């Protein structure tokens, strides 16, 4: 009996090879290719994009991002989501294997003498029943329903892992943006305070000159108005700086107490932030590894598997139950050879009439798959749009920074000349004030232009999926192997037009 049970199970397991539903193929998309860039070069560039924030050569920024990766609550929350999806995958895997359990049972039963069952002269029949049994329950996956469910669960796990990478990339980019903005605001405050100090000295001097009749009251009032204008700028800049510091503190993972007290961000020198050298060629291989694109593809893989699972529900469900163990009416006979009992039970369930329930479910899953395809293509387009916008921003922020620096140099020369001519009595004080205002406002503009330049570079690295590397991503080796399997299957199915996406030479310059 035991041999027949094992042989039966082995034969049934061998039958579970049919999987209904479509196998996943990546949708054909017209994407720019890597041009003449080899895989080796692409791998080198992908490595260069990893830990891209370190290329700014700012120790304070590096420390803040390190704190963010360890303490940011959004990233920590996604780690728990990954654990949930991993547990769901384990549950889906368990359904593919038999369920084995053991049971010990003791019962005492009394039958009625008038029940027509007892043959004890109308008297009650009492007896005991003892048993120890091992049971096996197994649902045959003849049509791949459980395997498709496992594929969907695995895709959900991949989605969660890539989503963590996407969140991490966004949070790191936000840290860089807020940090650079903070340093820009600190520089603007420094310029404003220096301007206030200079104008206070000028007002003090003009008061003496007015006292001795060297200037009229209008000139004195203009000097005082210029000072008050600079003072009025300071509170606004200080408010913006504190708000930026608070936003940065939240990203870094500061506690409410630390946020409400004085959030210590650390010191940094705006002049020392290094503008990194940008890559000359951007192959689609790098862009296609953006985590948000992978999230969209994982959703599509799960939707595709759900279609197969819905199709399998049209076919019979076959279950097998086996039991083996001793049974006896007396405890001392429980382990006698003659007390051994076993049974095998098979059942087939086929819904005959469900009023369109399975058909509606299949149509719903197909529609969800089509939605996932559209979402995947939309994500791709948005990704390339963000790359294009980042490239444009990199180019024009460089041009603007160069123009503002040149403009500031001209205004400083104008101020110097206006002061010389004013002292010589060749011009009025209005020209000096106008030149001072231009120098001051252009200094503020320069700080903003430098900030915008760094932010544009950070946005470009973000658009390229920077930070994506085997040493820092959220995929385990088995998950990475699974995604590589989908990549190899989909490579031949993808419609790719080879086009080079090259950055303008201007974007390479500081």
Protein backbone atom coordinates (compact mmCIF):
# COMPACT_ATOMS: atom_id res chain seq x y z
CA UNK A 1 0.00 0.00 0.00
CA UNK A 2 2.84 2.38 0.84
CA UNK A 3 4.56 1.65 -2.46
CA UNK A 4 1.40 2.25 -4.42
CA UNK A 5 0.88 5.55 -2.57
CA UNK A 6 4.36 6.78 -3.45
CA UNK A 7 4.07 5.64 -7.07
CA UNK A 8 0.70 7.34 -7.39
CA UNK A 9 2.03 10.63 -6.01
CA UNK A 10 5.07 10.52 -8.30
CA UNK A 11 2.90 9.92 -11.34
CA UNK A 12 0.55 12.75 -10.46
CA UNK A 13 3.38 15.20 -9.87
CA UNK A 14 4.81 14.30 -13.28
CA UNK A 15 1.55 15.39 -14.89
CA UNK A 16 1.77 18.95 -13.55
CA UNK A 17 3.62 20.40 -16.50
CA UNK A 18 0.98 22.40 -18.39
CA UNK A 19 0.84 26.15 -17.75
CA UNK A 20 -2.01 28.08 -19.34
CA UNK A 21 -1.85 31.70 -20.29
CA UNK A 22 0.66 33.82 -22.21
CA UNK A 23 4.33 33.84 -21.27
CA UNK A 24 5.66 37.33 -20.56
CA UNK A 25 7.22 39.31 -23.40
CA UNK A 26 8.31 42.90 -23.05
CA UNK A 27 6.17 45.21 -25.22
CA UNK A 28 7.82 46.53 -28.34
CA UNK A 29 8.83 50.15 -27.83
CA UNK A 30 10.68 52.55 -30.13
CA UNK A 31 13.60 53.43 -27.87
CA UNK A 32 16.96 55.11 -28.51
CA UNK A 33 19.77 52.59 -28.48
CA UNK A 34 23.33 52.78 -27.27
CA UNK A 35 24.72 53.59 -30.70
CA UNK A 36 28.30 52.46 -31.00
CA UNK A 37 28.71 52.07 -27.24
CA UNK A 38 29.78 48.55 -26.25
CA UNK A 39 28.36 46.65 -23.30
CA UNK A 40 31.65 47.14 -21.53
CA UNK A 41 31.41 50.92 -21.96
CA UNK A 42 27.79 50.89 -20.86
CA UNK A 43 28.72 48.93 -17.74
CA UNK A 44 31.50 51.42 -17.02
CA UNK A 45 29.10 54.35 -17.35
CA UNK A 46 26.53 52.60 -15.17
CA UNK A 47 29.22 52.17 -12.53
CA UNK A 48 30.03 55.87 -12.82
CA UNK A 49 26.40 56.72 -12.07
CA UNK A 50 26.48 54.77 -8.81
CA UNK A 51 26.86 57.01 -5.74
CA UNK A 52 26.76 60.00 -8.08
CA UNK A 53 26.35 62.49 -5.23
CA UNK A 54 29.93 61.83 -4.12
CA UNK A 55 31.11 63.51 -7.32
CA UNK A 56 30.22 66.88 -5.81
CA UNK A 57 33.16 66.34 -3.43
CA UNK A 58 31.27 67.69 -0.41
CA UNK A 59 31.85 65.70 2.83
CA UNK A 60 28.83 67.29 4.52
CA UNK A 61 26.54 66.27 1.66
CA UNK A 62 27.96 62.73 1.68
CA UNK A 63 27.29 62.47 5.42
CA UNK A 64 23.72 63.72 5.05
CA UNK A 65 22.96 61.16 2.35
CA UNK A 66 24.50 58.39 4.43
CA UNK A 67 22.19 59.39 7.27
CA UNK A 68 19.26 59.48 4.86
CA UNK A 69 19.88 55.93 3.65
CA UNK A 70 19.90 54.68 7.25
CA UNK A 71 17.19 56.80 8.88
CA UNK A 72 14.76 58.01 6.22
CA UNK A 73 11.25 56.79 7.11
CA UNK A 74 10.01 56.39 3.54
CA UNK A 75 12.88 54.02 2.77
CA UNK A 76 12.36 52.16 6.06
CA UNK A 77 8.64 51.80 5.31
CA UNK A 78 9.38 50.29 1.90
CA UNK A 79 11.71 47.74 3.51
CA UNK A 80 8.71 46.44 5.45
CA UNK A 81 6.64 46.31 2.26
CA UNK A 82 9.36 44.14 0.71
CA UNK A 83 9.19 41.81 3.70
CA UNK A 84 5.43 41.51 3.25
CA UNK A 85 5.78 40.70 -0.43
CA UNK A 86 8.52 38.17 0.33
CA UNK A 87 6.18 36.45 2.80
CA UNK A 88 3.40 36.48 0.17
CA UNK A 89 5.78 34.80 -2.28
CA UNK A 90 6.60 32.17 0.34
CA UNK A 91 2.88 31.52 0.76
CA UNK A 92 2.40 31.17 -3.00
CA UNK A 93 5.33 28.75 -3.17
CA UNK A 94 3.89 26.63 -0.35
CA UNK A 95 0.70 25.99 -2.34
CA UNK A 96 2.73 24.07 -4.93
CA UNK A 97 3.76 21.42 -2.43
CA UNK A 98 1.84 18.82 -0.40
CA UNK A 99 0.56 19.63 3.04
CA UNK A 100 1.56 16.93 5.54
CA UNK A 101 0.10 16.69 9.03
CA UNK A 102 -0.02 14.22 11.92
CA UNK A 103 -2.93 13.48 14.22
CA UNK A 104 -3.49 11.40 17.38
CA UNK A 105 -7.10 10.70 18.23
CA UNK A 106 -8.95 8.99 21.08
CA UNK A 107 -12.75 8.66 21.06
CA UNK A 108 -15.49 6.83 22.96
CA UNK A 109 -18.80 6.25 21.24
CA UNK A 110 -22.14 4.79 22.37
CA UNK A 111 -24.68 3.58 19.83
CA UNK A 112 -28.41 3.39 20.55
CA UNK A 113 -29.89 -0.07 20.74
CA UNK A 114 -32.94 1.14 18.76
CA UNK A 115 -30.93 2.83 16.00
CA UNK A 116 -30.95 -0.29 13.82
CA UNK A 117 -27.16 -0.37 13.85
CA UNK A 118 -26.47 -2.26 17.07
CA UNK A 119 -26.94 -6.04 17.13
CA UNK A 120 -26.54 -6.34 20.86
CA UNK A 121 -30.10 -7.40 21.66
CA UNK A 122 -31.44 -3.85 21.81
CA UNK A 123 -28.83 -2.82 24.34
CA UNK A 124 -26.56 0.14 23.99
CA UNK A 125 -23.21 -0.57 22.34
CA UNK A 126 -20.19 1.22 23.74
CA UNK A 127 -16.70 1.10 22.23
CA UNK A 128 -13.46 3.05 22.10
CA UNK A 129 -11.51 4.19 19.05
CA UNK A 130 -7.80 5.04 19.08
CA UNK A 131 -5.75 6.15 16.08
CA UNK A 132 -2.47 7.76 15.10
CA UNK A 133 -2.33 8.91 11.49
CA UNK A 134 -0.26 10.90 9.08
CA UNK A 135 -2.17 12.66 6.30
CA UNK A 136 -1.11 14.29 3.04
CA UNK A 137 -3.16 16.81 1.07
CA UNK A 138 -2.10 17.93 -2.37
CA UNK A 139 -3.75 20.10 -5.01
CA UNK A 140 -2.53 19.16 -8.48
CA UNK A 141 -1.43 22.15 -10.55
CA UNK A 142 -2.28 20.48 -13.86
CA UNK A 143 -3.11 23.74 -15.64
CA UNK A 144 -0.61 26.09 -14.00
CA UNK A 145 -2.98 28.12 -11.81
CA UNK A 146 -0.71 27.92 -8.77
CA UNK A 147 2.43 28.50 -10.82
CA UNK A 148 0.94 31.62 -12.37
CA UNK A 149 0.02 32.81 -8.88
CA UNK A 150 3.63 32.27 -7.84
CA UNK A 151 4.83 34.28 -10.87
CA UNK A 152 2.51 37.12 -9.89
CA UNK A 153 3.75 37.03 -6.29
CA UNK A 154 7.36 37.07 -7.46
CA UNK A 155 6.62 40.05 -9.73
CA UNK A 156 5.02 41.87 -6.81
CA UNK A 157 8.18 41.29 -4.80
CA UNK A 158 10.28 42.65 -7.68
CA UNK A 159 7.98 45.67 -7.87
CA UNK A 160 8.44 46.39 -4.17
CA UNK A 161 12.22 46.05 -4.42
CA UNK A 162 12.44 48.38 -7.42
CA UNK A 163 10.03 50.76 -5.73
CA UNK A 164 12.45 50.98 -2.81
CA UNK A 165 15.20 51.93 -5.27
CA UNK A 166 12.91 54.55 -6.81
CA UNK A 167 12.08 56.00 -3.38
CA UNK A 168 15.74 56.00 -2.41
CA UNK A 169 16.73 57.78 -5.64
CA UNK A 170 14.03 60.41 -5.12
CA UNK A 171 14.98 60.99 -1.48
CA UNK A 172 18.69 61.30 -2.32
CA UNK A 173 17.90 63.73 -5.13
CA UNK A 174 15.72 65.76 -2.75
CA UNK A 175 18.57 65.85 -0.21
CA UNK A 176 20.96 67.18 -2.87
CA UNK A 177 18.41 69.75 -4.05
CA UNK A 178 17.59 70.99 -0.55
CA UNK A 179 21.24 70.99 0.49
CA UNK A 180 22.32 73.09 -2.50
CA UNK A 181 19.33 75.38 -1.98
CA UNK A 182 20.30 75.78 1.67
CA UNK A 183 23.86 76.73 0.79
CA UNK A 184 22.54 79.20 -1.82
CA UNK A 185 20.26 80.82 0.76
CA UNK A 186 23.14 80.99 3.25
CA UNK A 187 25.24 82.76 0.62
CA UNK A 188 22.43 85.20 -0.14
CA UNK A 189 22.11 85.96 3.58
CA UNK A 190 25.86 86.50 3.80
CA UNK A 191 25.75 88.91 0.83
CA UNK A 192 22.78 90.74 2.33
CA UNK A 193 24.45 91.14 5.72
CA UNK A 194 27.61 92.42 4.07
CA UNK A 195 25.50 94.85 2.03
CA UNK A 196 23.73 96.05 5.19
CA UNK A 197 27.06 96.55 6.91
CA UNK A 198 28.43 98.52 3.95
CA UNK A 199 25.33 100.68 3.67
CA UNK A 200 25.35 101.39 7.41
CA UNK A 201 28.89 102.71 7.02
CA UNK A 202 27.80 104.76 4.02
CA UNK A 203 24.86 106.20 5.97
CA UNK A 204 27.09 107.11 8.88
CA UNK A 205 29.47 108.88 6.53
CA UNK A 206 26.66 110.68 4.69
CA UNK A 207 25.22 111.91 7.99
CA UNK A 208 28.53 113.61 8.69
CA UNK A 209 28.65 115.01 5.16
CA UNK A 210 25.07 116.30 5.49
CA UNK A 211 25.96 117.86 8.85
CA UNK A 212 28.70 119.89 7.19
CA UNK A 213 26.63 120.70 4.10
CA UNK A 214 28.51 118.52 1.62
CA UNK A 215 25.32 116.73 0.50
CA UNK A 216 21.63 117.63 0.52
CA UNK A 217 18.84 115.94 2.45
CA UNK A 218 17.60 114.06 -0.63
CA UNK A 219 20.93 112.25 -0.94
CA UNK A 220 20.85 111.37 2.77
CA UNK A 221 17.32 109.99 2.45
CA UNK A 222 18.34 107.92 -0.58
CA UNK A 223 21.22 106.38 1.39
CA UNK A 224 18.89 105.58 4.29
CA UNK A 225 16.29 104.07 1.92
CA UNK A 226 18.96 101.88 0.34
CA UNK A 227 19.90 100.54 3.79
CA UNK A 228 16.28 99.80 4.73
CA UNK A 229 15.74 97.99 1.43
CA UNK A 230 18.61 95.60 2.18
CA UNK A 231 17.34 95.07 5.75
CA UNK A 232 13.87 94.20 4.40
CA UNK A 233 15.38 91.38 2.31
CA UNK A 234 17.03 89.67 5.27
CA UNK A 235 13.95 88.25 7.14
CA UNK A 236 12.58 86.69 3.96
CA UNK A 237 15.89 84.98 3.21
CA UNK A 238 16.21 83.79 6.82
CA UNK A 239 12.69 82.36 6.74
CA UNK A 240 13.43 80.48 3.50
CA UNK A 241 16.69 79.14 4.94
CA UNK A 242 15.00 77.80 8.10
CA UNK A 243 12.26 76.16 6.04
CA UNK A 244 14.85 74.49 3.82
CA UNK A 245 16.79 73.29 6.87
CA UNK A 246 13.61 71.76 8.28
CA UNK A 247 12.81 69.99 5.00
CA UNK A 248 16.37 68.67 4.88
CA UNK A 249 16.15 67.50 8.50
CA UNK A 250 13.02 65.47 7.72
CA UNK A 251 14.69 63.85 4.70
CA UNK A 252 17.73 62.95 6.78
CA UNK A 253 15.50 61.32 9.40
CA UNK A 254 15.72 63.74 12.31
CA UNK A 255 13.35 63.14 15.22
CA UNK A 256 10.53 65.60 16.05
CA UNK A 257 12.56 66.88 19.04
CA UNK A 258 15.59 67.53 16.84
CA UNK A 259 13.39 69.23 14.24
CA UNK A 260 11.64 71.47 16.77
CA UNK A 261 14.91 72.42 18.44
CA UNK A 262 17.75 73.49 16.20
CA UNK A 263 18.33 71.00 13.44
CA UNK A 264 22.09 70.64 12.99
CA UNK A 265 22.73 70.12 9.30
CA UNK A 266 26.44 70.74 9.41
CA UNK A 267 28.66 73.27 7.73
CA UNK A 268 29.43 73.39 4.03
CA UNK A 269 31.16 75.80 1.67
CA UNK A 270 29.12 76.75 -1.37
CA UNK A 271 32.24 77.63 -3.31
CA UNK A 272 33.83 74.22 -2.73
CA UNK A 273 31.04 72.12 -4.26
CA UNK A 274 32.54 70.49 -7.32
CA UNK A 275 30.66 70.31 -10.63
CA UNK A 276 31.26 66.75 -11.87
CA UNK A 277 32.10 65.78 -15.42
CA UNK A 278 29.01 64.47 -17.15
CA UNK A 279 28.90 61.42 -19.47
CA UNK A 280 29.18 62.12 -23.20
CA UNK A 281 26.85 59.34 -24.31
CA UNK A 282 23.69 58.10 -22.64
CA UNK A 283 22.83 54.58 -23.86
CA UNK A 284 19.28 53.38 -23.46
CA UNK A 285 20.66 50.44 -21.46
CA UNK A 286 21.30 52.83 -18.57
CA UNK A 287 17.99 54.66 -18.87
CA UNK A 288 16.08 51.39 -19.08
CA UNK A 289 17.42 50.42 -15.65
CA UNK A 290 15.62 53.30 -14.00
CA UNK A 291 13.77 51.83 -11.01
CA UNK A 292 10.45 53.43 -11.93
CA UNK A 293 10.58 51.71 -15.34
CA UNK A 294 11.34 48.43 -13.61
CA UNK A 295 8.41 49.00 -11.24
CA UNK A 296 6.09 49.45 -14.23
CA UNK A 297 7.48 46.31 -15.88
CA UNK A 298 7.10 44.25 -12.71
CA UNK A 299 3.45 45.31 -12.55
CA UNK A 300 3.07 44.17 -16.15
CA UNK A 301 4.67 40.80 -15.39
CA UNK A 302 2.25 40.31 -12.49
CA UNK A 303 -0.74 41.31 -14.64
CA UNK A 304 0.36 38.87 -17.35
CA UNK A 305 0.59 36.04 -14.79
CA UNK A 306 -2.87 36.91 -13.46
CA UNK A 307 -4.31 36.35 -16.94
CA UNK A 308 -2.89 32.81 -16.96
CA UNK A 309 -4.26 32.16 -13.49
CA UNK A 310 -7.73 33.34 -14.58
CA UNK A 311 -7.61 31.04 -17.63
CA UNK A 312 -6.67 28.05 -15.48
CA UNK A 313 -9.83 28.52 -13.42
CA UNK A 314 -11.87 27.30 -16.42
CA UNK A 315 -10.36 23.84 -15.98
CA UNK A 316 -10.95 21.19 -13.30
CA UNK A 317 -9.32 21.38 -9.89
CA UNK A 318 -7.96 18.02 -8.75
CA UNK A 319 -7.07 17.30 -5.14
CA UNK A 320 -5.48 14.25 -3.55
CA UNK A 321 -5.69 13.19 0.08
CA UNK A 322 -3.79 10.26 1.56
CA UNK A 323 -3.79 8.86 5.09
CA UNK A 324 -1.78 6.13 6.78
CA UNK A 325 -1.56 5.02 10.45
CA UNK A 326 -2.75 2.48 13.03
CA UNK A 327 -6.35 2.27 14.30
CA UNK A 328 -7.71 0.09 17.12
CA UNK A 329 -10.54 -0.13 19.62
CA UNK A 330 -8.12 -0.98 22.42
CA UNK A 331 -5.08 1.09 23.26
CA UNK A 332 -2.84 -1.95 23.81
CA UNK A 333 -3.59 -3.16 20.25
CA UNK A 334 -2.82 0.17 18.60
CA UNK A 335 0.65 -0.87 17.40
CA UNK A 336 -0.24 -4.39 16.26
CA UNK A 337 0.58 -5.08 12.57
CA UNK A 338 -3.09 -5.77 11.86
CA UNK A 339 -4.05 -2.29 13.17
CA UNK A 340 -2.35 -0.47 10.24
CA UNK A 341 -4.80 1.34 7.92
CA UNK A 342 -4.38 3.61 4.91
CA UNK A 343 -6.50 5.40 2.36
CA UNK A 344 -6.13 7.47 -0.82
CA UNK A 345 -8.86 9.85 -1.93
CA UNK A 346 -8.95 11.87 -5.10
CA UNK A 347 -11.48 14.56 -5.97
CA UNK A 348 -12.19 16.55 -9.11
CA UNK A 349 -14.09 19.83 -8.99
CA UNK A 350 -15.39 21.46 -12.16
CA UNK A 351 -17.77 24.42 -11.94
CA UNK A 352 -20.58 23.92 -14.39
CA UNK A 353 -22.61 27.09 -14.06
CA UNK A 354 -21.28 30.29 -12.57
CA UNK A 355 -23.32 32.82 -14.59
CA UNK A 356 -20.22 34.30 -16.27
CA UNK A 357 -18.12 34.75 -13.13
CA UNK A 358 -14.95 33.18 -14.56
CA UNK A 359 -15.38 34.93 -17.91
CA UNK A 360 -15.81 38.29 -16.21
CA UNK A 361 -12.74 37.62 -14.07
CA UNK A 362 -10.67 36.73 -17.17
CA UNK A 363 -11.84 39.84 -19.03
CA UNK A 364 -10.95 41.95 -16.01
CA UNK A 365 -7.44 40.47 -15.83
CA UNK A 366 -6.93 41.04 -19.57
CA UNK A 367 -7.99 44.67 -19.20
CA UNK A 368 -5.62 45.08 -16.26
CA UNK A 369 -2.81 43.70 -18.40
CA UNK A 370 -3.55 46.18 -21.17
CA UNK A 371 -3.61 48.96 -18.59
CA UNK A 372 -0.21 47.76 -17.32
CA UNK A 373 1.16 47.81 -20.89
CA UNK A 374 -0.03 51.39 -21.37
CA UNK A 375 1.40 52.36 -17.97
CA UNK A 376 4.76 50.78 -18.91
CA UNK A 377 4.92 52.69 -22.20
CA UNK A 378 3.81 55.90 -20.49
CA UNK A 379 6.52 55.47 -17.84
CA UNK A 380 9.11 55.00 -20.57
CA UNK A 381 8.03 58.17 -22.35
CA UNK A 382 8.03 60.16 -19.13
CA UNK A 383 11.50 58.81 -18.34
CA UNK A 384 12.92 59.95 -21.65
CA UNK A 385 11.08 63.25 -21.31
CA UNK A 386 12.75 63.80 -17.92
CA UNK A 387 16.14 62.99 -19.46
CA UNK A 388 15.53 65.44 -22.29
CA UNK A 389 14.39 68.17 -19.88
CA UNK A 390 17.41 67.53 -17.65
CA UNK A 391 19.77 67.79 -20.62
CA UNK A 392 18.20 71.10 -21.62
CA UNK A 393 18.41 72.39 -18.05
CA UNK A 394 22.08 71.38 -17.77
CA UNK A 395 22.92 73.25 -20.95
CA UNK A 396 21.02 76.45 -20.20
CA UNK A 397 21.90 76.71 -16.51
CA UNK A 398 25.55 76.62 -17.57
CA UNK A 399 24.94 79.44 -20.03
CA UNK A 400 22.98 81.46 -17.47
CA UNK A 401 25.66 81.00 -14.80
CA UNK A 402 28.29 82.26 -17.21
CA UNK A 403 26.15 85.28 -18.16
CA UNK A 404 25.35 86.22 -14.55
CA UNK A 405 29.02 86.10 -13.58
CA UNK A 406 29.87 88.35 -16.50
CA UNK A 407 26.98 90.67 -15.58
CA UNK A 408 28.21 90.92 -11.97
CA UNK A 409 31.72 91.80 -13.10
CA UNK A 410 30.32 94.60 -15.29
CA UNK A 411 28.12 95.98 -12.48
CA UNK A 412 31.08 96.03 -10.10
CA UNK A 413 33.07 98.05 -12.62
CA UNK A 414 30.08 100.35 -13.04
CA UNK A 415 29.84 100.87 -9.25
CA UNK A 416 33.52 101.59 -9.01
CA UNK A 417 33.32 104.14 -11.82
CA UNK A 418 30.14 105.74 -10.39
CA UNK A 419 31.79 106.22 -6.99
CA UNK A 420 34.87 107.80 -8.58
CA UNK A 421 32.79 110.21 -10.67
CA UNK A 422 30.53 111.02 -7.69
CA UNK A 423 33.51 111.92 -5.52
CA UNK A 424 34.79 114.10 -8.36
CA UNK A 425 31.40 115.83 -8.61
CA UNK A 426 30.80 114.58 -12.15
CA UNK A 427 27.55 112.66 -11.40
CA UNK A 428 24.81 112.59 -8.81
CA UNK A 429 24.38 110.08 -6.01
CA UNK A 430 21.44 108.38 -7.77
CA UNK A 431 23.84 106.66 -10.19
CA UNK A 432 25.85 105.30 -7.26
CA UNK A 433 22.71 103.93 -5.58
CA UNK A 434 21.53 102.38 -8.83
CA UNK A 435 24.90 100.67 -9.30
CA UNK A 436 24.82 99.41 -5.69
CA UNK A 437 21.35 97.94 -6.18
CA UNK A 438 22.43 96.22 -9.37
CA UNK A 439 25.50 94.69 -7.72
CA UNK A 440 23.49 93.48 -4.75
CA UNK A 441 20.63 91.96 -6.78
CA UNK A 442 23.07 90.33 -9.20
CA UNK A 443 24.97 88.75 -6.31
CA UNK A 444 21.71 87.19 -5.14
CA UNK A 445 20.96 86.08 -8.70
CA UNK A 446 24.41 84.52 -8.95
CA UNK A 447 23.82 82.43 -5.83
CA UNK A 448 20.55 81.22 -7.32
CA UNK A 449 22.20 80.50 -10.68
CA UNK A 450 24.89 78.37 -9.02
CA UNK A 451 22.20 76.51 -7.10
CA UNK A 452 20.17 75.93 -10.27
CA UNK A 453 23.27 74.60 -12.00
CA UNK A 454 23.87 71.98 -9.31
CA UNK A 455 20.18 71.07 -9.15
CA UNK A 456 20.07 70.58 -12.93
CA UNK A 457 23.01 68.17 -12.69
CA UNK A 458 21.34 66.30 -9.83
CA UNK A 459 18.13 66.07 -11.88
CA UNK A 460 20.10 64.60 -14.79
CA UNK A 461 21.63 61.90 -12.59
CA UNK A 462 18.17 61.18 -11.20
CA UNK A 463 16.70 60.97 -14.72
CA UNK A 464 19.39 58.46 -15.66
CA UNK A 465 18.54 56.29 -12.67
CA UNK A 466 21.76 57.17 -10.85
CA UNK A 467 22.68 55.15 -7.79
CA UNK A 468 21.50 51.92 -9.37
CA UNK A 469 24.19 49.32 -8.67
CA UNK A 470 24.41 45.71 -7.53
CA UNK A 471 26.04 46.82 -4.29
CA UNK A 472 23.26 49.17 -3.27
CA UNK A 473 20.04 47.99 -4.92
CA UNK A 474 17.28 46.09 -3.15
CA UNK A 475 17.36 42.88 -5.18
CA UNK A 476 18.65 39.61 -3.79
CA UNK A 477 20.77 37.41 -6.13
CA UNK A 478 17.75 35.19 -6.86
CA UNK A 479 15.57 38.22 -7.67
CA UNK A 480 18.28 39.62 -9.92
CA UNK A 481 18.52 36.27 -11.69
CA UNK A 482 14.75 36.29 -12.24
CA UNK A 483 14.85 39.76 -13.78
CA UNK A 484 17.76 38.78 -16.02
CA UNK A 485 15.66 35.84 -17.19
CA UNK A 486 12.84 38.20 -18.20
CA UNK A 487 15.38 40.49 -19.89
CA UNK A 488 16.82 37.63 -21.97
CA UNK A 489 13.34 36.42 -22.93
CA UNK A 490 12.17 39.88 -23.91
CA UNK A 491 15.28 41.03 -25.75
CA UNK A 492 14.37 39.36 -29.01
CA UNK A 493 10.77 40.53 -28.76
CA UNK A 494 11.58 44.20 -28.26
CA UNK A 495 11.45 46.48 -31.25
CA UNK A 496 14.38 48.79 -30.75
CA UNK A 497 15.56 51.40 -33.22
CA UNK A 498 19.20 52.18 -32.63
CA UNK A 499 19.66 55.87 -32.13
CA UNK A 500 22.36 57.72 -30.28
CA UNK A 501 21.44 60.17 -27.58
CA UNK A 502 24.37 62.50 -27.18
CA UNK A 503 24.78 65.38 -24.88
CA UNK A 504 25.78 68.73 -26.30
CA UNK A 505 29.40 69.61 -25.81
CA UNK A 506 28.33 72.66 -23.88
CA UNK A 507 26.90 70.46 -21.16
CA UNK A 508 30.32 69.02 -20.45
CA UNK A 509 31.78 72.35 -19.41
CA UNK A 510 31.45 73.86 -15.99
